[in-house]
Amino acid sequence: MWKHGANIIWCNARIVAVGFYEKHGYRKVGKSFVIPGIGEHYLMTKLNPNEKVDQDS
């Protein structure tokens, strides 16, 4: 998954899919939001385990 040098990947996860993404190492960011015509979502991110990321920035 990390073959192209990315440090972070993200997605908009529907509420019903949040558990699936959490089981695969993603974390929710912020509050839920609505995509009109689709439904409620969370922004979810996953950090590259091979990279050090400065979280104090």
PDB file of N, CA and C in Angstrom:
ATOM      1  N   MET A   1       0.806  -1.190   0.000  1.00  0.00           N
ATOM      2  CA  MET A   1       0.000   0.000   0.000  1.00  0.00           C
ATOM      3  C   MET A   1       0.854   1.263   0.000  1.00  0.00           C
ATOM      4  N   TRP A   2       2.024   1.219   0.590  1.00  0.00           N
ATOM      5  CA  TRP A   2       2.854   2.411   0.747  1.00  0.00           C
ATOM      6  C   TRP A   2       3.964   2.482  -0.296  1.00  0.00           C
ATOM      7  N   LYS A   3       3.775   1.902  -1.438  1.00  0.00           N
ATOM      8  CA  LYS A   3       4.820   1.804  -2.450  1.00  0.00           C
ATOM      9  C   LYS A   3       5.185   3.126  -3.110  1.00  0.00           C
ATOM     10  N   HIS A   4       4.312   4.112  -3.061  1.00  0.00           N
ATOM     11  CA  HIS A   4       4.542   5.347  -3.799  1.00  0.00           C
ATOM     12  C   HIS A   4       5.007   6.505  -2.923  1.00  0.00           C
ATOM     13  N   GLY A   5       5.501   6.217  -1.730  1.00  0.00           N
ATOM     14  CA  GLY A   5       6.095   7.232  -0.871  1.00  0.00           C
ATOM     15  C   GLY A   5       5.106   8.069  -0.078  1.00  0.00           C
ATOM     16  N   ALA A   6       3.871   7.661   0.023  1.00  0.00           N
ATOM     17  CA  ALA A   6       2.892   8.424   0.794  1.00  0.00           C
ATOM     18  C   ALA A   6       3.151   8.279   2.290  1.00  0.00           C
ATOM     19  N   ASN A   7       2.878   9.340   3.036  1.00  0.00           N
ATOM     20  CA  ASN A   7       2.994   9.287   4.487  1.00  0.00           C
ATOM     21  C   ASN A   7       1.651   9.082   5.162  1.00  0.00           C
ATOM     22  N   ILE A   8       0.590   9.406   4.443  1.00  0.00           N
ATOM     23  CA  ILE A   8      -0.753   9.301   5.004  1.00  0.00           C
ATOM     24  C   ILE A   8      -1.744   9.001   3.884  1.00  0.00           C
ATOM     25  N   ILE A   9      -2.741   8.202   4.195  1.00  0.00           N
ATOM     26  CA  ILE A   9      -3.835   8.002   3.257  1.00  0.00           C
ATOM     27  C   ILE A   9      -5.127   8.365   3.985  1.00  0.00           C
ATOM     28  N   TRP A  10      -6.132   8.773   3.239  1.00  0.00           N
ATOM     29  CA  TRP A  10      -7.374   9.208   3.848  1.00  0.00           C
ATOM     30  C   TRP A  10      -8.561   8.763   3.010  1.00  0.00           C
ATOM     31  N   CYS A  11      -9.731   8.804   3.645  1.00  0.00           N
ATOM     32  CA  CYS A  11     -10.969   8.523   2.930  1.00  0.00           C
ATOM     33  C   CYS A  11     -12.126   9.160   3.682  1.00  0.00           C
ATOM     34  N   ASN A  12     -13.235   9.304   2.993  1.00  0.00           N
ATOM     35  CA  ASN A  12     -14.496   9.681   3.616  1.00  0.00           C
ATOM     36  C   ASN A  12     -15.262   8.382   3.811  1.00  0.00           C
ATOM     37  N   ALA A  13     -15.458   7.995   5.065  1.00  0.00           N
ATOM     38  CA  ALA A  13     -16.092   6.707   5.370  1.00  0.00           C
ATOM     39  C   ALA A  13     -17.535   6.919   5.818  1.00  0.00           C
ATOM     40  N   ARG A  14     -18.450   6.179   5.201  1.00  0.00           N
ATOM     41  CA  ARG A  14     -19.832   6.224   5.666  1.00  0.00           C
ATOM     42  C   ARG A  14     -19.881   5.681   7.086  1.00  0.00           C
ATOM     43  N   ILE A  15     -20.834   6.160   7.858  1.00  0.00           N
ATOM     44  CA  ILE A  15     -20.974   5.761   9.260  1.00  0.00           C
ATOM     45  C   ILE A  15     -20.979   4.239   9.410  1.00  0.00           C
ATOM     46  N   VAL A  16     -21.685   3.543   8.536  1.00  0.00           N
ATOM     47  CA  VAL A  16     -21.778   2.082   8.647  1.00  0.00           C
ATOM     48  C   VAL A  16     -20.451   1.390   8.359  1.00  0.00           C
ATOM     49  N   ALA A  17     -19.480   2.093   7.757  1.00  0.00           N
ATOM     50  CA  ALA A  17     -18.193   1.489   7.412  1.00  0.00           C
ATOM     51  C   ALA A  17     -17.067   1.865   8.372  1.00  0.00           C
ATOM     52  N   VAL A  18     -17.330   2.724   9.348  1.00  0.00           N
ATOM     53  CA  VAL A  18     -16.282   3.195  10.255  1.00  0.00           C
ATOM     54  C   VAL A  18     -15.591   2.033  10.966  1.00  0.00           C
ATOM     55  N   GLY A  19     -16.335   1.075  11.465  1.00  0.00           N
ATOM     56  CA  GLY A  19     -15.735  -0.074  12.152  1.00  0.00           C
ATOM     57  C   GLY A  19     -14.780  -0.852  11.270  1.00  0.00           C
ATOM     58  N   PHE A  20     -15.141  -1.031  10.005  1.00  0.00           N
ATOM     59  CA  PHE A  20     -14.279  -1.718   9.047  1.00  0.00           C
ATOM     60  C   PHE A  20     -12.940  -0.998   8.929  1.00  0.00           C
ATOM     61  N   TYR A  21     -12.991   0.316   8.740  1.00  0.00           N
ATOM     62  CA  TYR A  21     -11.752   1.080   8.590  1.00  0.00           C
ATOM     63  C   TYR A  21     -10.930   1.082   9.879  1.00  0.00           C
ATOM     64  N   GLU A  22     -11.593   1.188  11.035  1.00  0.00           N
ATOM     65  CA  GLU A  22     -10.854   1.155  12.298  1.00  0.00           C
ATOM     66  C   GLU A  22     -10.132  -0.175  12.488  1.00  0.00           C
ATOM     67  N   LYS A  23     -10.737  -1.271  12.077  1.00  0.00           N
ATOM     68  CA  LYS A  23     -10.078  -2.586  12.164  1.00  0.00           C
ATOM     69  C   LYS A  23      -8.835  -2.662  11.285  1.00  0.00           C
ATOM     70  N   HIS A  24      -8.742  -1.784  10.290  1.00  0.00           N
ATOM     71  CA  HIS A  24      -7.603  -1.779   9.372  1.00  0.00           C
ATOM     72  C   HIS A  24      -6.649  -0.620   9.642  1.00  0.00           C
ATOM     73  N   GLY A  25      -6.729  -0.056  10.857  1.00  0.00           N
ATOM     74  CA  GLY A  25      -5.742   0.929  11.280  1.00  0.00           C
ATOM     75  C   GLY A  25      -6.075   2.382  11.009  1.00  0.00           C
ATOM     76  N   TYR A  26      -7.252   2.672  10.508  1.00  0.00           N
ATOM     77  CA  TYR A  26      -7.648   4.063  10.268  1.00  0.00           C
ATOM     78  C   TYR A  26      -8.204   4.659  11.556  1.00  0.00           C
ATOM     79  N   ARG A  27      -8.125   5.995  11.643  1.00  0.00           N
ATOM     80  CA  ARG A  27      -8.683   6.717  12.783  1.00  0.00           C
ATOM     81  C   ARG A  27      -9.596   7.826  12.280  1.00  0.00           C
ATOM     82  N   LYS A  28     -10.673   8.074  13.021  1.00  0.00           N
ATOM     83  CA  LYS A  28     -11.581   9.168  12.678  1.00  0.00           C
ATOM     84  C   LYS A  28     -10.897  10.497  12.980  1.00  0.00           C
ATOM     85  N   VAL A  29     -11.182  11.481  12.136  1.00  0.00           N
ATOM     86  CA  VAL A  29     -10.666  12.831  12.328  1.00  0.00           C
ATOM     87  C   VAL A  29     -11.861  13.776  12.413  1.00  0.00           C
ATOM     88  N   GLY A  30     -12.003  14.445  13.538  1.00  0.00           N
ATOM     89  CA  GLY A  30     -13.065  15.427  13.686  1.00  0.00           C
ATOM     90  C   GLY A  30     -14.449  14.828  13.851  1.00  0.00           C
ATOM     91  N   LYS A  31     -15.444  15.674  13.587  1.00  0.00           N
ATOM     92  CA  LYS A  31     -16.847  15.293  13.728  1.00  0.00           C
ATOM     93  C   LYS A  31     -17.373  14.755  12.409  1.00  0.00           C
ATOM     94  N   SER A  32     -18.492  14.046  12.488  1.00  0.00           N
ATOM     95  CA  SER A  32     -19.108  13.532  11.269  1.00  0.00           C
ATOM     96  C   SER A  32     -19.655  14.692  10.433  1.00  0.00           C
ATOM     97  N   PHE A  33     -19.829  14.443   9.158  1.00  0.00           N
ATOM     98  CA  PHE A  33     -20.365  15.444   8.233  1.00  0.00           C
ATOM     99  C   PHE A  33     -21.242  14.731   7.219  1.00  0.00           C
ATOM    100  N   VAL A  34     -22.103  15.493   6.574  1.00  0.00           N
ATOM    101  CA  VAL A  34     -23.041  14.919   5.617  1.00  0.00           C
ATOM    102  C   VAL A  34     -22.613  15.266   4.197  1.00  0.00           C
ATOM    103  N   ILE A  35     -22.557  14.257   3.347  1.00  0.00           N
ATOM    104  CA  ILE A  35     -22.384  14.464   1.913  1.00  0.00           C
ATOM    105  C   ILE A  35     -23.790  14.386   1.327  1.00  0.00           C
ATOM    106  N   PRO A  36     -24.299  15.506   0.802  1.00  0.00           N
ATOM    107  CA  PRO A  36     -25.677  15.530   0.304  1.00  0.00           C
ATOM    108  C   PRO A  36     -25.954  14.409  -0.696  1.00  0.00           C
ATOM    109  N   GLY A  37     -27.064  13.751  -0.501  1.00  0.00           N
ATOM    110  CA  GLY A  37     -27.473  12.675  -1.388  1.00  0.00           C
ATOM    111  C   GLY A  37     -26.825  11.329  -1.078  1.00  0.00           C
ATOM    112  N   ILE A  38     -25.829  11.333  -0.173  1.00  0.00           N
ATOM    113  CA  ILE A  38     -25.139  10.076   0.153  1.00  0.00           C
ATOM    114  C   ILE A  38     -25.325   9.734   1.623  1.00  0.00           C
ATOM    115  N   GLY A  39     -25.097  10.695   2.507  1.00  0.00           N
ATOM    116  CA  GLY A  39     -25.295  10.446   3.929  1.00  0.00           C
ATOM    117  C   GLY A  39     -24.161  10.925   4.801  1.00  0.00           C
ATOM    118  N   GLU A  40     -24.199  10.486   6.063  1.00  0.00           N
ATOM    119  CA  GLU A  40     -23.246  10.913   7.080  1.00  0.00           C
ATOM    120  C   GLU A  40     -21.920  10.149   6.938  1.00  0.00           C
ATOM    121  N   HIS A  41     -20.816  10.875   7.082  1.00  0.00           N
ATOM    122  CA  HIS A  41     -19.470  10.330   6.903  1.00  0.00           C
ATOM    123  C   HIS A  41     -18.524  10.838   7.991  1.00  0.00           C
ATOM    124  N   TYR A  42     -17.388  10.183   8.102  1.00  0.00           N
ATOM    125  CA  TYR A  42     -16.242  10.671   8.859  1.00  0.00           C
ATOM    126  C   TYR A  42     -15.041  10.717   7.932  1.00  0.00           C
ATOM    127  N   LEU A  43     -14.200  11.728   8.115  1.00  0.00           N
ATOM    128  CA  LEU A  43     -12.885  11.726   7.492  1.00  0.00           C
ATOM    129  C   LEU A  43     -12.054  10.743   8.292  1.00  0.00           C
ATOM    130  N   MET A  44     -11.354   9.838   7.619  1.00  0.00           N
ATOM    131  CA  MET A  44     -10.516   8.855   8.297  1.00  0.00           C
ATOM    132  C   MET A  44      -9.132   8.860   7.679  1.00  0.00           C
ATOM    133  N   THR A  45      -8.117   8.692   8.528  1.00  0.00           N
ATOM    134  CA  THR A  45      -6.732   8.696   8.057  1.00  0.00           C
ATOM    135  C   THR A  45      -5.979   7.481   8.583  1.00  0.00           C
ATOM    136  N   LYS A  46      -4.927   7.159   7.863  1.00  0.00           N
ATOM    137  CA  LYS A  46      -4.021   6.088   8.287  1.00  0.00           C
ATOM    138  C   LYS A  46      -2.604   6.551   7.983  1.00  0.00           C
ATOM    139  N   LEU A  47      -1.744   6.512   9.006  1.00  0.00           N
ATOM    140  CA  LEU A  47      -0.358   6.926   8.835  1.00  0.00           C
ATOM    141  C   LEU A  47       0.502   5.769   8.373  1.00  0.00           C
ATOM    142  N   ASN A  48       1.493   6.076   7.561  1.00  0.00           N
ATOM    143  CA  ASN A  48       2.453   5.084   7.102  1.00  0.00           C
ATOM    144  C   ASN A  48       3.266   4.611   8.307  1.00  0.00           C
ATOM    145  N   PRO A  49       3.222   3.324   8.636  1.00  0.00           N
ATOM    146  CA  PRO A  49       3.961   2.837   9.816  1.00  0.00           C
ATOM    147  C   PRO A  49       5.475   2.881   9.633  1.00  0.00           C
ATOM    148  N   ASN A  50       5.938   3.089   8.414  1.00  0.00           N
ATOM    149  CA  ASN A  50       7.377   3.114   8.136  1.00  0.00           C
ATOM    150  C   ASN A  50       7.969   4.524   8.176  1.00  0.00           C
ATOM    151  N   GLU A  51       7.140   5.534   8.378  1.00  0.00           N
ATOM    152  CA  GLU A  51       7.598   6.920   8.379  1.00  0.00           C
ATOM    153  C   GLU A  51       7.384   7.548   9.750  1.00  0.00           C
ATOM    154  N   LYS A  52       8.298   8.403  10.138  1.00  0.00           N
ATOM    155  CA  LYS A  52       8.113   9.188  11.355  1.00  0.00           C
ATOM    156  C   LYS A  52       7.371  10.455  10.958  1.00  0.00           C
ATOM    157  N   VAL A  53       6.291  10.740  11.668  1.00  0.00           N
ATOM    158  CA  VAL A  53       5.486  11.928  11.376  1.00  0.00           C
ATOM    159  C   VAL A  53       5.501  12.821  12.606  1.00  0.00           C
ATOM    160  N   ASP A  54       5.851  14.102  12.407  1.00  0.00           N
ATOM    161  CA  ASP A  54       5.881  15.061  13.498  1.00  0.00           C
ATOM    162  C   ASP A  54       4.443  15.467  13.818  1.00  0.00           C
ATOM    163  N   GLN A  55       3.906  14.948  14.932  1.00  0.00           N
ATOM    164  CA  GLN A  55       2.527  15.217  15.301  1.00  0.00           C
ATOM    165  C   GLN A  55       2.384  16.495  16.131  1.00  0.00           C
ATOM    166  N   ASP A  56       3.486  17.189  16.410  1.00  0.00           N
ATOM    167  CA  ASP A  56       3.436  18.430  17.175  1.00  0.00           C
ATOM    168  C   ASP A  56       3.207  19.634  16.275  1.00  0.00           C
ATOM    169  N   SER A  57       3.201  19.460  14.985  1.00  0.00           N
ATOM    170  CA  SER A  57       3.033  20.578  14.056  1.00  0.00           C
ATOM    171  C   SER A  57       1.621  21.080  14.047  1.00  0.00           C
TER     172      SER A  57
END
